[in-house]
C-alpha atoms as a PDB file:
ATOM      1  CA  MET A   1      55.921  -7.714 -74.445  1.00  0.00           C
ATOM      2  CA  LEU A   2      53.113  -5.315 -73.279  1.00  0.00           C
ATOM      3  CA  MET A   3      53.977  -3.580 -70.038  1.00  0.00           C
ATOM      4  CA  PRO A   4      51.234  -3.856 -67.381  1.00  0.00           C
ATOM      5  CA  GLY A   5      48.923  -0.839 -67.246  1.00  0.00           C
ATOM      6  CA  LEU A   6      47.953   1.958 -64.969  1.00  0.00           C
ATOM      7  CA  VAL A   7      46.324   1.065 -61.760  1.00  0.00           C
ATOM      8  CA  HIS A   8      44.768   3.976 -59.537  1.00  0.00           C
ATOM      9  CA  VAL A   9      44.901   2.691 -55.977  1.00  0.00           C
ATOM     10  CA  VAL A  10      42.148   4.463 -53.915  1.00  0.00           C
ATOM     11  CA  VAL A  11      42.996   3.532 -50.202  1.00  0.00           C
ATOM     12  CA  GLY A  12      42.562   5.786 -47.234  1.00  0.00           C
ATOM     13  CA  ASP A  13      44.803   3.856 -44.852  1.00  0.00           C
ATOM     14  CA  PRO A  14      48.526   5.019 -45.822  1.00  0.00           C
ATOM     15  CA  PRO A  15      50.193   1.751 -44.945  1.00  0.00           C
ATOM     16  CA  LEU A  16      47.969  -0.335 -46.803  1.00  0.00           C
ATOM     17  CA  ARG A  17      48.038   2.168 -49.656  1.00  0.00           C
ATOM     18  CA  ARG A  18      51.664   1.865 -49.761  1.00  0.00           C
ATOM     19  CA  ALA A  19      51.631  -1.720 -49.747  1.00  0.00           C
ATOM     20  CA  VAL A  20      49.332  -2.200 -52.506  1.00  0.00           C
ATOM     21  CA  GLN A  21      51.082   0.358 -54.724  1.00  0.00           C
ATOM     22  CA  ARG A  22      54.467  -1.315 -53.921  1.00  0.00           C
ATOM     23  CA  CYS A  23      53.140  -4.840 -54.781  1.00  0.00           C
ATOM     24  CA  LEU A  24      51.944  -3.650 -57.950  1.00  0.00           C
ATOM     25  CA  GLU A  25      55.015  -1.511 -58.956  1.00  0.00           C
ATOM     26  CA  LEU A  26      57.087  -4.337 -57.997  1.00  0.00           C
ATOM     27  CA  ALA A  27      55.102  -6.461 -60.709  1.00  0.00           C
ATOM     28  CA  GLY A  28      55.594  -3.736 -63.098  1.00  0.00           C
ATOM     29  CA  TYR A  29      52.300  -1.690 -62.967  1.00  0.00           C
ATOM     30  CA  ARG A  30      52.394   2.102 -63.151  1.00  0.00           C
ATOM     31  CA  THR A  31      50.329   3.297 -60.277  1.00  0.00           C
ATOM     32  CA  GLU A  32      48.756   6.465 -59.191  1.00  0.00           C
ATOM     33  CA  ALA A  33      47.826   6.602 -55.466  1.00  0.00           C
ATOM     34  CA  TRP A  34      44.792   8.681 -54.031  1.00  0.00           C
ATOM     35  CA  PRO A  35      44.669   9.204 -50.434  1.00  0.00           C
ATOM     36  CA  SER A  36      40.852   9.523 -50.462  1.00  0.00           C
ATOM     37  CA  ALA A  37      37.689   8.622 -52.498  1.00  0.00           C
ATOM     38  CA  GLU A  38      36.818  12.340 -52.660  1.00  0.00           C
ATOM     39  CA  ALA A  39      40.290  13.107 -54.314  1.00  0.00           C
ATOM     40  CA  PHE A  40      40.011  10.327 -57.017  1.00  0.00           C
ATOM     41  CA  ILE A  41      36.285  11.362 -57.689  1.00  0.00           C
ATOM     42  CA  THR A  42      37.395  14.998 -58.035  1.00  0.00           C
ATOM     43  CA  ALA A  43      40.196  14.132 -60.369  1.00  0.00           C
ATOM     44  CA  LEU A  44      38.126  11.463 -62.230  1.00  0.00           C
ATOM     45  CA  PRO A  45      37.248  13.472 -65.382  1.00  0.00           C
ATOM     46  CA  ARG A  46      41.105  14.111 -66.142  1.00  0.00           C
ATOM     47  CA  LEU A  47      42.523  10.662 -65.220  1.00  0.00           C
ATOM     48  CA  THR A  48      44.792   8.695 -67.545  1.00  0.00           C
ATOM     49  CA  PRO A  49      42.799   5.442 -68.393  1.00  0.00           C
ATOM     50  CA  GLY A  50      43.578   2.387 -66.331  1.00  0.00           C
ATOM     51  CA  CYS A  51      41.868   0.457 -63.635  1.00  0.00           C
ATOM     52  CA  VAL A  52      40.853   1.258 -60.108  1.00  0.00           C
ATOM     53  CA  MET A  53      42.034  -0.852 -56.965  1.00  0.00           C
ATOM     54  CA  CYS A  54      39.502   0.711 -54.335  1.00  0.00           C
ATOM     55  CA  ASP A  55      39.234  -0.214 -50.542  1.00  0.00           C
ATOM     56  CA  HIS A  56      35.688  -0.356 -49.406  1.00  0.00           C
ATOM     57  CA  GLU A  57      36.906   1.576 -46.506  1.00  0.00           C
ATOM     58  CA  ALA A  58      38.333   4.534 -48.566  1.00  0.00           C
ATOM     59  CA  ALA A  59      38.994   7.471 -46.392  1.00  0.00           C
ATOM     60  CA  GLY A  60      36.035  10.010 -46.260  1.00  0.00           C
ATOM     61  CA  VAL A  61      33.352   8.412 -48.251  1.00  0.00           C
ATOM     62  CA  ASP A  62      33.223   4.558 -48.951  1.00  0.00           C
ATOM     63  CA  GLY A  63      34.258   2.602 -51.913  1.00  0.00           C
ATOM     64  CA  PHE A  64      30.733   2.663 -53.239  1.00  0.00           C
ATOM     65  CA  ALA A  65      30.954   6.354 -53.994  1.00  0.00           C
ATOM     66  CA  VAL A  66      33.976   5.795 -56.151  1.00  0.00           C
ATOM     67  CA  LEU A  67      32.133   2.826 -57.960  1.00  0.00           C
ATOM     68  CA  SER A  68      29.195   5.014 -58.618  1.00  0.00           C
ATOM     69  CA  ALA A  69      31.271   7.972 -59.853  1.00  0.00           C
ATOM     70  CA  VAL A  70      33.292   5.634 -62.053  1.00  0.00           C
ATOM     71  CA  GLN A  71      29.863   4.109 -63.500  1.00  0.00           C
ATOM     72  CA  ALA A  72      28.511   7.448 -63.980  1.00  0.00           C
ATOM     73  CA  ARG A  73      31.521   9.259 -65.687  1.00  0.00           C
ATOM     74  CA  THR A  74      33.530   6.360 -67.216  1.00  0.00           C
ATOM     75  CA  PRO A  75      31.782   3.050 -67.117  1.00  0.00           C
ATOM     76  CA  ALA A  76      34.706   1.532 -69.212  1.00  0.00           C
ATOM     77  CA  LEU A  77      37.211   1.725 -66.262  1.00  0.00           C
ATOM     78  CA  PRO A  78      37.119  -1.367 -64.083  1.00  0.00           C
ATOM     79  CA  VAL A  79      37.094  -1.179 -60.382  1.00  0.00           C
ATOM     80  CA  VAL A  80      38.397  -3.960 -58.259  1.00  0.00           C
ATOM     81  CA  MET A  81      36.925  -3.496 -54.752  1.00  0.00           C
ATOM     82  CA  MET A  82      38.784  -4.593 -51.562  1.00  0.00           C
ATOM     83  CA  VAL A  83      36.506  -5.740 -48.584  1.00  0.00           C
ATOM     84  CA  PHE A  84      36.932  -7.353 -45.397  1.00  0.00           C
ATOM     85  CA  CYS A  85      37.009 -10.999 -45.160  1.00  0.00           C
ATOM     86  CA  GLY A  86      33.780 -12.689 -44.856  1.00  0.00           C
ATOM     87  CA  ASP A  87      31.770  -9.324 -45.547  1.00  0.00           C
ATOM     88  CA  TYR A  88      29.790 -11.061 -48.252  1.00  0.00           C
ATOM     89  CA  GLU A  89      26.927  -8.353 -48.189  1.00  0.00           C
ATOM     90  CA  VAL A  90      29.362  -5.794 -49.247  1.00  0.00           C
ATOM     91  CA  ALA A  91      31.206  -8.259 -51.779  1.00  0.00           C
ATOM     92  CA  VAL A  92      27.863  -9.018 -53.408  1.00  0.00           C
ATOM     93  CA  SER A  93      26.742  -5.385 -53.297  1.00  0.00           C
ATOM     94  CA  ALA A  94      29.825  -4.379 -54.953  1.00  0.00           C
ATOM     95  CA  MET A  95      29.610  -6.882 -57.694  1.00  0.00           C
ATOM     96  CA  ARG A  96      25.825  -5.952 -58.230  1.00  0.00           C
ATOM     97  CA  HIS A  97      26.875  -1.973 -58.463  1.00  0.00           C
ATOM     98  CA  GLY A  98      29.454  -2.678 -61.309  1.00  0.00           C
ATOM     99  CA  ALA A  99      32.627  -3.709 -59.668  1.00  0.00           C
ATOM    100  CA  ALA A 100      34.970  -5.938 -62.116  1.00  0.00           C
ATOM    101  CA  ASP A 101      36.232  -8.101 -59.178  1.00  0.00           C
ATOM    102  CA  VAL A 102      36.126  -8.112 -55.302  1.00  0.00           C
ATOM    103  CA  VAL A 103      39.318  -9.142 -53.241  1.00  0.00           C
ATOM    104  CA  GLU A 104      39.099  -9.968 -49.582  1.00  0.00           C
ATOM    105  CA  LYS A 105      41.385  -8.304 -46.953  1.00  0.00           C
ATOM    106  CA  PRO A 106      43.794  -9.144 -45.991  1.00  0.00           C
ATOM    107  CA  VAL A 107      44.880  -9.713 -49.548  1.00  0.00           C
ATOM    108  CA  THR A 108      47.666 -11.582 -50.668  1.00  0.00           C
ATOM    109  CA  ALA A 109      50.044 -10.325 -53.258  1.00  0.00           C
ATOM    110  CA  GLU A 110      49.005 -13.133 -55.788  1.00  0.00           C
ATOM    111  CA  THR A 111      45.303 -12.246 -55.283  1.00  0.00           C
ATOM    112  CA  LEU A 112      46.057  -8.565 -55.653  1.00  0.00           C
ATOM    113  CA  LEU A 113      48.276  -8.947 -58.829  1.00  0.00           C
ATOM    114  CA  ALA A 114      45.515 -11.529 -60.313  1.00  0.00           C
ATOM    115  CA  ALA A 115      42.915  -9.030 -60.092  1.00  0.00           C
ATOM    116  CA  ALA A 116      45.079  -6.158 -61.290  1.00  0.00           C
ATOM    117  CA  ALA A 117      45.956  -8.255 -64.344  1.00  0.00           C
ATOM    118  CA  GLN A 118      42.335  -9.169 -65.094  1.00  0.00           C
ATOM    119  CA  ALA A 119      41.164  -5.439 -64.983  1.00  0.00           C
ATOM    120  CA  VAL A 120      44.316  -4.150 -67.161  1.00  0.00           C
ATOM    121  CA  GLU A 121      43.434  -7.138 -69.720  1.00  0.00           C
ATOM    122  CA  TRP A 122      39.877  -5.860 -69.723  1.00  0.00           C
ATOM    123  CA  VAL A 123      40.881  -2.162 -70.431  1.00  0.00           C
ATOM    124  CA  ARG A 124      43.175  -3.427 -73.073  1.00  0.00           C
ATOM    125  CA  ALA A 125      40.295  -5.577 -74.657  1.00  0.00           C
ATOM    126  CA  LEU A 126      38.333  -2.532 -75.274  1.00  0.00           C
ATOM    127  CA  PRO A 127      38.027  -1.727 -78.875  1.00  0.00           C
ATOM    128  CA  ARG A 128      40.944   0.797 -79.425  1.00  0.00           C
ATOM    129  CA  GLY A 129      40.275   1.130 -83.202  1.00  0.00           C
ATOM    130  CA  SER A 130      36.864   2.719 -82.875  1.00  0.00           C
ATOM    131  CA  GLN A 131      36.880   6.411 -82.877  1.00  0.00           C
ATOM    132  CA  ALA A 132      33.154   6.256 -81.792  1.00  0.00           C
ATOM    133  CA  ASP A 133      34.016   4.323 -78.564  1.00  0.00           C
ATOM    134  CA  ARG A 134      36.880   6.574 -77.757  1.00  0.00           C
ATOM    135  CA  THR A 135      34.603   9.831 -78.283  1.00  0.00           C
ATOM    136  CA  ARG A 136      31.755   8.068 -76.471  1.00  0.00           C
ATOM    137  CA  LEU A 137      34.020   7.536 -73.476  1.00  0.00           C
ATOM    138  CA  ARG A 138      35.449  10.986 -73.538  1.00  0.00           C
ATOM    139  CA  LEU A 139      31.978  12.505 -73.751  1.00  0.00           C
ATOM    140  CA  GLN A 140      30.844  10.592 -70.832  1.00  0.00           C
ATOM    141  CA  ALA A 141      33.706  12.045 -68.759  1.00  0.00           C
ATOM    142  CA  MET A 142      33.292  15.725 -69.674  1.00  0.00           C
ATOM    143  CA  THR A 143      32.586  18.189 -67.075  1.00  0.00           C
ATOM    144  CA  GLY A 144      29.809  20.309 -67.138  1.00  0.00           C
ATOM    145  CA  GLN A 145      31.648  23.255 -68.290  1.00  0.00           C
ATOM    146  CA  GLU A 146      33.271  21.297 -71.015  1.00  0.00           C
ATOM    147  CA  ASP A 147      29.830  20.187 -72.184  1.00  0.00           C
ATOM    148  CA  ARG A 148      28.741  23.601 -72.411  1.00  0.00           C
ATOM    149  CA  LEU A 149      31.708  24.706 -74.416  1.00  0.00           C
ATOM    150  CA  LEU A 150      31.496  21.892 -76.844  1.00  0.00           C
ATOM    151  CA  ARG A 151      27.749  22.496 -77.300  1.00  0.00           C
ATOM    152  CA  GLY A 152      28.739  26.256 -77.982  1.00  0.00           C
ATOM    153  CA  PHE A 153      31.423  25.437 -80.499  1.00  0.00           C
ATOM    154  CA  ALA A 154      29.048  23.085 -82.356  1.00  0.00           C
ATOM    155  CA  ALA A 155      26.484  25.698 -82.479  1.00  0.00           C
ATOM    156  CA  GLY A 156      28.940  27.972 -84.189  1.00  0.00           C
ATOM    157  CA  ARG A 157      29.641  30.460 -81.226  1.00  0.00           C
ATOM    158  CA  SER A 158      33.015  32.259 -80.894  1.00  0.00           C
ATOM    159  CA  ALA A 159      35.603  31.601 -78.146  1.00  0.00           C
ATOM    160  CA  GLU A 160      34.927  35.224 -76.992  1.00  0.00           C
ATOM    161  CA  GLU A 161      31.105  34.668 -76.671  1.00  0.00           C
ATOM    162  CA  LEU A 162      31.683  31.418 -74.646  1.00  0.00           C
ATOM    163  CA  ALA A 163      34.310  32.956 -72.363  1.00  0.00           C
ATOM    164  CA  LYS A 164      31.887  35.804 -71.641  1.00  0.00           C
ATOM    165  CA  GLU A 165      29.324  33.450 -70.763  1.00  0.00           C
ATOM    166  CA  ALA A 166      31.299  31.232 -68.618  1.00  0.00           C
ATOM    167  CA  ARG A 167      32.986  34.195 -66.951  1.00  0.00           C
ATOM    168  CA  VAL A 168      36.522  32.917 -67.949  1.00  0.00           C
ATOM    169  CA  SER A 169      39.349  34.291 -70.125  1.00  0.00           C
ATOM    170  CA  VAL A 170      39.191  33.439 -73.954  1.00  0.00           C
ATOM    171  CA  ARG A 171      42.507  31.846 -73.316  1.00  0.00           C
ATOM    172  CA  THR A 172      41.186  29.388 -71.040  1.00  0.00           C
ATOM    173  CA  VAL A 173      38.044  28.595 -73.459  1.00  0.00           C
ATOM    174  CA  GLU A 174      40.549  28.154 -76.116  1.00  0.00           C
ATOM    175  CA  ARG A 175      42.993  25.835 -74.089  1.00  0.00           C
ATOM    176  CA  ARG A 176      39.822  23.695 -72.937  1.00  0.00           C
ATOM    177  CA  SER A 177      38.725  23.315 -76.524  1.00  0.00           C
ATOM    178  CA  ARG A 178      42.095  22.083 -77.464  1.00  0.00           C
ATOM    179  CA  GLU A 179      42.089  19.367 -74.558  1.00  0.00           C
ATOM    180  CA  MET A 180      38.631  18.283 -75.673  1.00  0.00           C
END
């Protein structure tokens, strides 16, 4: 039996975040909780693949910033947006901006788990056997510095040259190249 996947919970309200996280964990999902949209967006390039359960009213910037960042960096990551009941304009806008699903708050455990299951299944359905697909997703998630390092290595430049140009240690360049 396949274990449920990872769900990134991006909810600014601590009680709601804990409730969503607990509901998912009790159903067997692994979760990673983010207290704000900014924290999630900052960590996005280094995240373990999974799906995102995001509150439209995430602390700081709204859920649309999360949706935009995911679409720009890792479009294969499905985002489930939680919106207030009856806020149809926000729900339609979320879907138009690429949300995999929209659930209304207050959300029931059944609705939350159904949306998470669908999003996790969508991630699993991605072609795993294709090295080109995995490489494309990784390239989309690269930071600017990683992109410059990769291009430098592809051009035949040494780690020492790249470190000097980036104003970092050679060890840092070597570690980042292994991670890429």
